[in-house]
Structure formats: C-alpha cells, structure tokens
Protein backbone atom coordinates (compact mmCIF):
# COMPACT_ATOMS: atom_id res chain seq x y z
CA MET A 1 45.87 -83.16 25.17
CA LYS A 2 45.64 -79.86 27.22
CA SER A 3 42.17 -78.17 27.06
CA VAL A 4 41.43 -74.67 26.26
CA THR A 5 39.46 -72.81 28.68
CA SER A 6 37.04 -70.28 26.84
CA ALA A 7 37.19 -66.33 27.46
CA ARG A 8 34.49 -65.27 30.00
CA ILE A 9 31.95 -63.76 27.77
CA LEU A 10 31.40 -59.81 28.60
CA SER A 11 28.36 -57.41 28.49
CA VAL A 12 28.74 -54.47 26.08
CA SER A 13 28.71 -52.19 29.38
CA GLU A 14 31.47 -54.08 31.01
CA VAL A 15 33.27 -53.44 27.74
CA ASN A 16 32.62 -49.62 27.60
CA GLN A 17 33.38 -49.72 31.20
CA TYR A 18 36.63 -51.44 31.08
CA LEU A 19 37.43 -49.02 28.32
CA LYS A 20 36.59 -46.01 30.29
CA THR A 21 38.78 -46.91 32.85
CA LEU A 22 41.56 -47.70 30.61
CA LEU A 23 41.41 -44.07 28.86
CA GLU A 24 40.47 -42.19 31.94
CA SER A 25 43.47 -43.96 34.19
CA ASN A 26 46.12 -42.61 31.31
CA SER A 27 47.99 -39.70 32.67
CA LEU A 28 48.79 -38.46 29.09
CA LEU A 29 44.86 -38.50 28.45
CA LYS A 30 43.74 -36.74 31.56
CA ASN A 31 45.59 -33.69 30.88
CA LEU A 32 45.26 -33.31 27.23
CA THR A 33 45.82 -29.69 25.32
CA ILE A 34 44.22 -29.97 21.77
CA GLN A 35 44.34 -27.23 18.77
CA GLY A 36 41.92 -27.81 16.07
CA GLU A 37 38.60 -26.19 14.66
CA LEU A 38 34.97 -26.16 15.96
CA SER A 39 32.49 -27.20 14.64
CA ASN A 40 28.82 -27.97 15.22
CA VAL A 41 28.66 -25.92 18.10
CA LYS A 42 25.22 -26.14 20.09
CA ARG A 43 24.92 -24.53 23.53
CA ALA A 44 22.25 -26.85 24.94
CA ALA A 45 19.00 -25.37 27.41
CA SER A 46 21.01 -26.52 30.67
CA GLY A 47 23.96 -24.35 29.56
CA HIS A 48 26.59 -27.51 28.44
CA LEU A 49 28.40 -26.43 25.36
CA TYR A 50 28.50 -29.42 22.99
CA PHE A 51 30.73 -29.05 19.89
CA SER A 52 33.37 -30.87 17.62
CA LEU A 53 37.06 -30.34 17.44
CA LYS A 54 38.57 -30.90 13.93
CA ASP A 55 41.34 -30.77 11.99
CA ALA A 56 41.88 -31.57 7.99
CA THR A 57 41.41 -35.44 8.58
CA SER A 58 39.70 -35.99 11.76
CA LYS A 59 37.42 -34.80 14.51
CA ILE A 60 36.34 -35.77 17.97
CA ASP A 61 33.18 -34.93 19.91
CA CYS A 62 33.61 -32.74 22.85
CA VAL A 63 31.42 -31.12 25.57
CA MET A 64 32.20 -28.25 27.88
CA PHE A 65 29.86 -28.55 31.40
CA LYS A 66 28.10 -25.48 32.47
CA ASN A 67 30.30 -24.45 35.61
CA ALA A 68 33.16 -24.34 32.83
CA ALA A 69 31.36 -22.95 29.92
CA LEU A 70 30.61 -20.19 32.33
CA GLY A 71 34.19 -19.08 32.72
CA LEU A 72 34.77 -18.61 28.93
CA LYS A 73 35.80 -14.82 28.05
CA PHE A 74 34.35 -15.30 24.29
CA ILE A 75 31.43 -16.91 22.33
CA PRO A 76 32.52 -20.01 20.50
CA LYS A 77 31.39 -19.65 17.39
CA GLU A 78 31.62 -22.12 13.98
CA GLY A 79 34.77 -22.54 11.93
CA GLN A 80 36.89 -20.97 15.26
CA GLN A 81 40.23 -22.34 15.80
CA VAL A 82 40.69 -22.70 19.67
CA THR A 83 43.47 -24.68 22.08
CA LEU A 84 41.49 -26.45 24.95
CA ARG A 85 42.39 -28.47 27.94
CA GLY A 86 40.27 -31.82 29.13
CA SER A 87 40.50 -35.36 29.91
CA LEU A 88 39.54 -37.79 27.31
CA GLY A 89 36.71 -40.12 28.44
CA VAL A 90 33.70 -42.35 27.43
CA TYR A 91 30.47 -41.89 27.28
CA LEU A 92 28.96 -45.19 28.72
CA PRO A 93 25.45 -45.26 27.18
CA SER A 94 26.63 -45.14 23.79
CA GLY A 95 30.11 -45.84 23.89
CA GLN A 96 31.21 -43.12 22.46
CA TYR A 97 34.79 -41.43 23.69
CA GLN A 98 34.87 -37.46 23.90
CA ILE A 99 36.93 -34.81 25.24
CA THR A 100 35.20 -33.01 28.69
CA VAL A 101 36.59 -29.65 28.39
CA ARG A 102 37.91 -27.60 31.37
CA SER A 103 39.06 -24.55 29.43
CA MET A 104 39.15 -23.33 25.96
CA GLU A 105 40.91 -20.29 24.70
CA PRO A 106 40.35 -18.61 20.52
CA GLN A 107 43.28 -19.25 18.39
CA GLY A 108 41.63 -17.71 15.22
CA VAL A 109 39.68 -18.78 12.21
CA GLY A 110 39.27 -22.31 10.48
CA ASP A 111 39.85 -23.04 6.92
CA LEU A 112 36.43 -23.25 5.71
CA PHE A 113 35.25 -20.15 8.08
CA GLN A 114 38.46 -18.26 6.23
CA ALA A 115 37.38 -19.36 2.81
CA TYR A 116 33.64 -18.40 3.38
CA LEU A 117 34.57 -14.89 4.85
CA ALA A 118 36.92 -14.30 1.38
CA LEU A 119 34.15 -15.26 -0.87
CA LYS A 120 31.78 -13.36 1.16
CA SER A 121 33.90 -10.26 0.84
CA GLU A 122 34.27 -10.85 -2.99
CA LEU A 123 30.70 -11.01 -3.80
CA GLU A 124 30.08 -8.16 -2.06
CA ALA A 125 32.53 -5.96 -3.82
CA GLN A 126 30.64 -7.06 -6.84
CA GLY A 127 27.06 -6.03 -5.94
CA TYR A 128 25.83 -9.64 -4.97
CA PHE A 129 24.22 -8.11 -2.02
CA ASP A 130 23.00 -4.77 -3.20
CA GLN A 131 19.67 -4.44 -1.82
CA GLU A 132 18.56 -2.39 -5.01
CA ARG A 133 18.37 -5.48 -7.23
CA LYS A 134 16.67 -7.73 -4.92
CA LYS A 135 12.98 -8.62 -6.13
CA LYS A 136 9.85 -8.16 -3.86
CA LEU A 137 7.63 -11.23 -3.49
CA PRO A 138 4.81 -11.22 -5.12
CA GLU A 139 1.58 -9.47 -3.34
CA ILE A 140 -0.55 -13.13 -3.84
CA ILE A 141 1.63 -16.09 -4.04
CA SER A 142 -0.30 -19.35 -5.29
CA ARG A 143 2.45 -21.91 -6.01
CA VAL A 144 5.52 -21.91 -4.17
CA GLY A 145 8.71 -24.28 -5.44
CA ILE A 146 11.50 -25.78 -3.03
CA VAL A 147 14.35 -26.86 -4.07
CA THR A 148 15.56 -29.05 -1.05
CA SER A 149 15.92 -32.86 0.13
CA PRO A 150 12.73 -34.82 -0.27
CA THR A 151 13.22 -37.00 2.93
CA GLY A 152 14.40 -34.73 5.57
CA ALA A 153 12.60 -32.93 8.21
CA ALA A 154 13.09 -29.61 6.78
CA ILE A 155 10.50 -30.50 3.95
CA LYS A 156 8.09 -31.69 6.48
CA ASP A 157 8.19 -29.06 8.39
CA MET A 158 7.27 -26.75 5.52
CA ILE A 159 4.54 -28.59 3.90
CA ALA A 160 2.87 -28.82 7.04
CA ILE A 161 2.78 -25.12 7.75
CA ILE A 162 2.38 -24.05 4.48
CA LYS A 163 -0.93 -26.28 4.21
CA ARG A 164 -2.11 -25.37 7.87
CA ARG A 165 -1.95 -21.46 7.44
CA ASN A 166 -3.05 -21.65 3.85
CA PRO A 167 -3.94 -24.95 2.29
CA LEU A 168 -4.99 -23.00 -1.48
CA ILE A 169 -0.87 -22.75 -2.10
CA ASP A 170 0.16 -25.71 -4.41
CA ILE A 171 3.86 -26.97 -3.52
CA VAL A 172 6.09 -27.78 -6.22
CA ILE A 173 9.29 -29.72 -4.72
CA TYR A 174 12.57 -30.30 -6.44
CA PRO A 175 14.06 -33.09 -4.71
CA SER A 176 18.24 -32.51 -4.38
CA LEU A 177 21.32 -32.99 -2.53
CA VAL A 178 21.84 -30.54 0.21
CA GLN A 179 25.26 -31.85 1.40
CA GLY A 180 28.36 -32.77 -0.35
CA ASP A 181 29.96 -31.66 -3.60
CA GLU A 182 26.90 -32.64 -5.85
CA ALA A 183 24.83 -30.62 -3.90
CA PRO A 184 25.43 -26.86 -5.38
CA LYS A 185 24.77 -28.35 -8.94
CA ASN A 186 21.20 -29.98 -7.78
CA ILE A 187 20.06 -26.69 -6.22
CA ILE A 188 21.42 -24.95 -9.29
CA GLN A 189 19.34 -27.06 -11.57
CA GLY A 190 16.16 -26.47 -9.52
CA ILE A 191 16.35 -23.10 -9.62
CA ARG A 192 17.08 -22.82 -13.41
CA MET A 193 14.45 -25.67 -13.89
CA PHE A 194 11.71 -23.22 -11.99
CA ASN A 195 12.93 -20.46 -14.01
CA GLU A 196 12.74 -21.96 -17.11
CA ARG A 197 8.96 -23.11 -16.78
CA GLN A 198 7.82 -20.01 -14.88
CA SER A 199 5.36 -22.19 -13.07
CA VAL A 200 5.81 -21.06 -9.62
CA ASP A 201 5.85 -17.46 -8.25
CA VAL A 202 8.56 -17.93 -5.50
CA ILE A 203 11.53 -20.29 -4.91
CA VAL A 204 12.88 -21.53 -1.42
CA ILE A 205 16.12 -23.37 -1.05
CA GLY A 206 17.24 -24.64 2.29
CA ARG A 207 17.86 -27.38 4.22
CA GLY A 208 17.97 -27.92 8.21
CA GLY A 209 20.47 -26.85 10.66
CA GLY A 210 24.17 -28.69 10.85
CA SER A 211 27.94 -27.82 11.38
CA ILE A 212 29.55 -25.36 8.85
CA GLU A 213 30.56 -28.61 6.75
CA ASP A 214 26.99 -30.01 6.54
CA LEU A 215 26.00 -25.89 5.30
CA TRP A 216 28.80 -25.94 2.88
CA ALA A 217 26.88 -26.42 -0.37
CA PHE A 218 25.23 -23.03 0.27
CA ASN A 219 28.53 -21.17 0.32
CA ASP A 220 29.35 -22.00 -3.20
CA LYS A 221 30.09 -19.32 -5.92
CA ASN A 222 28.57 -20.60 -8.68
CA LEU A 223 25.24 -21.19 -6.72
CA ALA A 224 25.19 -17.46 -5.66
CA ARG A 225 25.32 -16.40 -9.35
CA ALA A 226 22.12 -18.62 -10.10
CA ILE A 227 20.32 -16.78 -7.40
CA LEU A 228 21.22 -13.42 -8.72
CA GLU A 229 20.49 -14.23 -12.38
CA SER A 230 17.04 -15.81 -11.20
CA GLU A 231 14.02 -14.10 -12.56
CA LEU A 232 11.83 -15.34 -9.88
CA PRO A 233 12.49 -14.30 -6.20
CA VAL A 234 14.41 -16.51 -4.23
CA ILE A 235 14.09 -17.09 -0.21
CA SER A 236 16.87 -18.73 1.41
CA ALA A 237 16.11 -21.24 4.53
CA VAL A 238 19.41 -22.59 5.39
CA GLY A 239 20.03 -24.01 8.93
CA HIS A 240 19.08 -22.22 12.25
CA GLU A 241 18.52 -18.72 12.90
CA ILE A 242 22.01 -18.30 13.78
CA ASP A 243 23.71 -19.70 10.96
CA TYR A 244 24.62 -17.65 8.01
CA THR A 245 25.52 -18.52 4.46
CA ILE A 246 25.98 -17.04 1.36
CA SER A 247 22.65 -17.79 0.05
CA ASP A 248 21.19 -15.93 2.76
CA PHE A 249 23.09 -13.10 1.55
CA VAL A 250 22.39 -12.88 -2.06
CA SER A 251 19.11 -14.21 -2.10
CA ASP A 252 16.05 -11.58 -2.29
CA LEU A 253 14.95 -12.64 1.25
CA ARG A 254 16.33 -14.54 4.05
CA ALA A 255 14.41 -16.54 6.04
CA PRO A 256 15.82 -17.75 9.57
CA THR A 257 14.84 -21.31 9.29
CA PRO A 258 12.81 -23.09 6.94
CA SER A 259 10.02 -23.51 9.08
CA GLY A 260 10.39 -19.50 8.52
CA ALA A 261 10.34 -19.61 5.02
CA ALA A 262 7.16 -21.37 4.80
CA GLU A 263 5.80 -19.09 7.18
CA LEU A 264 7.00 -15.99 5.18
CA VAL A 265 4.87 -17.83 1.94
CA ALA A 266 1.86 -18.43 3.55
CA GLU A 267 1.86 -15.24 5.61
CA GLU A 268 2.01 -13.18 2.08
CA THR A 269 -0.95 -14.61 1.06
CA MET A 270 -2.83 -14.85 4.26
CA SER A 271 -2.01 -10.84 4.39
CA MET A 272 -3.38 -10.47 1.31
CA THR A 273 -6.64 -12.31 1.92
CA ARG A 274 -7.02 -10.36 5.39
CA ALA A 275 -6.32 -7.42 3.01
CA LEU A 276 -9.25 -8.42 0.39
CA VAL A 277 -11.50 -9.18 3.49
CA GLN A 278 -11.27 -5.59 4.94
CA LEU A 279 -11.54 -4.22 1.42
CA LYS A 280 -14.79 -5.99 0.77
CA ARG A 281 -16.10 -4.88 4.12
CA ARG A 282 -15.24 -1.03 3.25
CA LEU A 283 -16.65 -1.76 -0.28
CA ILE A 284 -19.57 -3.11 1.13
CA GLN A 285 -19.82 -0.37 3.72
CA SER A 286 -19.12 2.38 0.97
CA LEU A 287 -21.87 1.31 -1.18
CA GLU A 288 -24.65 1.03 1.56
CA THR A 289 -23.41 4.77 2.33
CA LYS A 290 -24.08 5.76 -1.35
CA ILE A 291 -27.11 4.15 -1.28
CA VAL A 292 -28.57 6.01 2.14
CA SER A 293 -26.87 9.12 0.29
CA ASN A 294 -28.58 8.42 -3.46
CA ARG A 295 -31.82 7.71 -1.60
CA GLU A 296 -32.12 10.53 0.44
CA GLN A 297 -30.88 12.99 -3.13
CA LEU A 298 -33.72 10.94 -4.96
CA GLY A 299 -36.08 12.38 -1.99
CA ARG A 300 -35.03 15.71 -2.49
CA MET A 301 -35.07 15.91 -6.16
CA LYS A 302 -38.78 14.35 -6.18
CA LYS A 303 -39.61 17.17 -3.53
CA GLU A 304 -38.03 19.62 -6.19
CA LEU A 305 -39.62 17.82 -9.35
CA LEU A 306 -42.90 18.13 -7.55
CA ARG A 307 -42.41 21.77 -6.42
CA PHE A 308 -41.42 22.53 -9.92
CA HIS A 309 -43.91 20.40 -11.96
CA PRO A 310 -46.13 22.02 -14.73
CA ARG A 311 -49.31 21.76 -12.76
CA GLU A 312 -48.07 23.59 -9.57
CA ARG A 313 -46.30 25.81 -12.18
CA ILE A 314 -49.25 26.41 -13.83
CA GLY A 315 -51.15 26.81 -10.84
CA ASP A 316 -48.76 29.63 -9.32
CA MET A 317 -49.09 31.12 -13.04
CA ARG A 318 -52.90 31.57 -12.57
CA LEU A 319 -52.18 32.95 -9.51
CA HIS A 320 -49.90 35.42 -10.60
CA LEU A 321 -51.92 36.38 -13.51
CA ASP A 322 -54.61 37.07 -11.48
CA VAL A 323 -52.61 39.59 -9.28
CA ILE A 324 -51.37 41.04 -12.27
CA GLN A 325 -55.04 41.38 -13.88
CA GLU A 326 -56.37 42.79 -10.22
CA ARG A 327 -52.87 45.53 -10.35
CA MET A 328 -53.65 45.97 -14.03
CA LEU A 329 -57.37 46.91 -13.80
CA ARG A 330 -56.95 49.06 -10.57
CA SER A 331 -54.13 50.69 -12.64
CA VAL A 332 -56.43 51.10 -15.46
CA LYS A 333 -59.13 52.16 -13.49
CA GLY A 334 -56.90 54.80 -11.75
CA ARG A 335 -55.55 55.86 -14.96
CA LEU A 336 -58.78 56.98 -16.72
CA LYS A 337 -60.32 58.45 -13.52
CA ASN A 338 -57.01 60.59 -13.58
CA ASP A 339 -57.36 60.90 -17.34
CA ARG A 340 -61.07 62.18 -17.10
CA LEU A 341 -59.81 64.70 -14.36
CA GLN A 342 -57.43 65.98 -16.84
CA ILE A 343 -60.24 66.36 -19.78
CA LYS A 344 -62.05 68.33 -17.05
CA ASN A 345 -59.22 70.40 -16.48
CA ILE A 346 -58.41 71.05 -20.34
CA GLU A 347 -61.90 71.38 -21.16
CA MET A 348 -62.17 74.35 -18.31
CA ARG A 349 -59.11 75.70 -19.38
CA LEU A 350 -60.45 75.38 -23.16
CA GLY A 351 -63.32 76.58 -22.39
CA LEU A 352 -61.50 79.71 -20.13
CA MET A 353 -59.82 80.49 -23.48
CA ASN A 354 -62.42 79.78 -26.18
CA PRO A 355 -62.63 82.89 -28.30
CA MET A 356 -66.49 82.55 -28.55
CA ASN A 357 -66.76 83.09 -24.75
CA VAL A 358 -65.40 86.05 -24.96
CA LEU A 359 -67.27 87.00 -28.12
CA LYS A 360 -70.63 86.69 -25.91
CA LYS A 361 -69.40 89.37 -23.55
CA GLY A 362 -69.58 91.52 -26.39
CA TYR A 363 -66.00 91.44 -27.70
CA VAL A 364 -65.49 91.39 -31.76
CA ARG A 365 -62.61 89.79 -33.34
CA VAL A 366 -61.09 91.69 -36.17
CA THR A 367 -59.60 89.73 -39.18
CA ASP A 368 -58.49 90.97 -42.73
CA ASN A 369 -59.58 89.59 -45.81
CA GLN A 370 -57.13 86.53 -45.76
CA GLY A 371 -58.86 85.10 -42.21
CA LEU A 372 -55.76 86.62 -40.31
CA SER A 373 -56.39 88.42 -36.84
CA ILE A 374 -55.77 91.60 -36.25
CA GLY A 375 -54.98 92.52 -32.80
CA SER A 376 -53.35 95.84 -33.46
CA VAL A 377 -53.86 99.38 -35.34
CA ALA A 378 -50.46 98.87 -36.46
CA GLY A 379 -50.12 98.04 -40.09
CA LEU A 380 -53.87 99.23 -40.52
CA LYS A 381 -54.22 101.22 -43.67
CA VAL A 382 -57.10 104.06 -44.27
CA ASP A 383 -59.76 102.24 -46.59
CA GLN A 384 -58.43 98.57 -45.84
CA ARG A 385 -61.25 96.39 -45.45
CA ILE A 386 -61.48 94.26 -42.73
CA MET A 387 -64.35 91.50 -41.22
CA LEU A 388 -65.62 91.91 -37.54
CA HIS A 389 -66.93 88.54 -36.12
CA PHE A 390 -69.33 88.95 -33.60
CA ILE A 391 -71.29 85.98 -31.71
CA ASP A 392 -73.92 85.90 -33.78
CA GLY A 393 -72.81 87.38 -37.27
CA GLU A 394 -69.77 88.96 -39.48
CA VAL A 395 -69.85 92.44 -40.54
CA ASP A 396 -67.71 93.64 -43.41
CA ALA A 397 -66.13 96.62 -42.93
CA GLU A 398 -63.93 99.40 -44.33
CA ILE A 399 -61.43 101.98 -42.14
CA ARG A 400 -62.19 105.06 -42.34
CA SER A 401 -59.54 106.59 -40.24
CA ILE A 402 -56.90 105.12 -37.59
CA LYS A 403 -56.27 106.55 -34.12
CA GLU A 404 -53.20 105.25 -32.44
CA ASN A 405 -52.92 105.50 -28.57
C-alpha cells in the first residue's frame, strides 16, 4: 500500500506572502484601471490617503501614498465617482488585499451623494433650513436628552465632557440605532418621546464618524420632518467636522462632532453660571456703594435736622426777638423824641396863634350878638350891638357911627 505524504504545514505569514507574490506578479492586477465611488475618505497625518472604492454591490480598500496624493488636482470627497490606476497587493500584517493607487481622476458624483444633494435641494426649497424658524437654546440647561447608540464611543465622550464641564446637568439617553434601515425610525421615536414628556431642555442626535453609508440614516426625509416639528431645540452632532448631513441643516444647531455638542450644551450653562457670578459681584458692589451713599446722606440729614431742630430754631428766634425788641425800643424812643419835638413846635405855633396872646398886647376881639367874629366894618350897621372881648373881660357896646377907610 502506497503511503500518503502529508502536506507541509504553513504559517499565516507564509500564506499571506504567497498570496502577495501571486497577486503582485499578475500582469493584469499590476496595472488596474478601475471606476467607482469614493467612500470613507480619510487623509492621515502622514499625508497618505485612505479610502474605499465601491459600486452597487462591492467595495475594495485603497491607499494612495503621500507622493502620489500630492499630484492630485482635486480634493477627493465622499460619494465622488473617480477613475483610478494602480496595482492590487496584499497588506501582510492583516492579510487584506488593497489597491495601491498611483493616479486618480474625478468622474462625477456617486448615487448616494446625488440622492443627498437632491433631498437637500428639495428640503431647502420647502423652507426646512430657514434660519427664522430655528429655535434658540435655553439660557439655562439642566437636563439634556441624547438620541444615539448607547454602546458607541460618541456617547461615552459626551457624558465625560458634560460631567466634567458641568456635573449639575442631568443626562437622559434614548438608545437608538444610528446606522441601517431601521435607524431613522429609532431616532424619530427618540425625538418624539422627549417632546411628549417635555422632560429635557434640549435634544442631541448624532453618532461618531464613518462613511457616507454609515451616516446615511441622518439623511432621511422623515427624520428631517421630525426635527422640524420638534417643540424642543434639536442639536445635530453627526460624524466629523467635514461631514454634513440633512439633519445638520434642518436642526436648530449643528455641532461639528458629538464632543462638540457636549461642549455646546455644557457651555450654555457654564456661561450662565459665570454671568450669574458676575451679576452677583456687581450687585454686591452696587449695594455696598448704595449703603455708603445712604450713610453719607443720613449724616447730612442728621446735620440738617440738628440745624432745624426746634431748640435751635427757638434759640434763633429768641435772638431774633431780642434784636427786634431792641430795634422797636430804639424806634419807639426815636418816635417819641420826634413827637415831642413836633408837639413843642405845635405848641409854639399855637402859642403864636392864640388870640389871648394877641389880646395881651392890647388888641380887642369883636363879635356880634351870636358870637361870630367881626373882622371888618363891612356889613355892620348903626345901632347894632356888638361884644368887645378884652384880655380881662367883655364889653357890650352899640355902634354909633361907621367910618370906612
């Protein structure tokens, strides 16, 4: 009986090396020209370009090293149709085959990207993206609702950032699919649940980075309507900063990343806290200034009260009365003196005009029988009786004759 010689046992490295040699020695695979759609485009810090090339049913990983990438005359973007030239090889550490790209030219936009642009144009025309309808975040955020995968790295980063920046904020997570056909329905349910319960101040929807296929759930028209109809403000935080989805445009605020959304949420409350601290400081300073001002005013009022106190007023009035009394006494004395002088003058004048003084000089006063003085011969008659008044008596006389001058 013929013995069967067993096959030689190979190592994993040997198998990968064999495949590498087999593929790279094939003339067809050494000079490939392939057309497809770019996906999951990433540029490394080294300058190398990593991406996938796909069609409707398959995809293949590609790498374009720095020297070749520097020769590109366009910026490769997600969903872009390209024609590339390169060679198929095997990456030994993982055993994965990939195309090493030597050159690449754009050919147009892929189907997914075309669908994205069409939906974006449609919703924009319907006013989904209008700034006037976007809601502002509340000044104070005490509770945030997050609709995302509960197991992804994005939610862990968000929780860590929020708790570090403001541990007073409560976080409510609605676990949802963020990739695949059922993902839009899950995200919509989360948005509606938070709106029905009104248990949070703001909603964050999002996920970490990925290809255009990975992020496609956030390019759903029904999801866009749910965001539009939300009574609570919605923040969209999908992928990386360079990734844009329909949710980003229709949401009330777009965050470049999930971590960025966490910073925005916590920053709103931190800003308010700082504002309250500053307001408290200004209020205390204002009160202290007011107290000092009131004390100074109170001191002035006390002085005014003392100045206008009844005792002070009475004392001032007494002094004033003394002055007035002194003035009155001087005035009365002066008036009396003046009156005495006037009286003396009057007495002198009366003395000069006193008929008795005239009679003392030998003159006689003549009156008729009724006592009326007679100063002229006019009107007198012969035999008329008259009275002659002397200084020491009266004489009854009768006119015997009248002589006029």
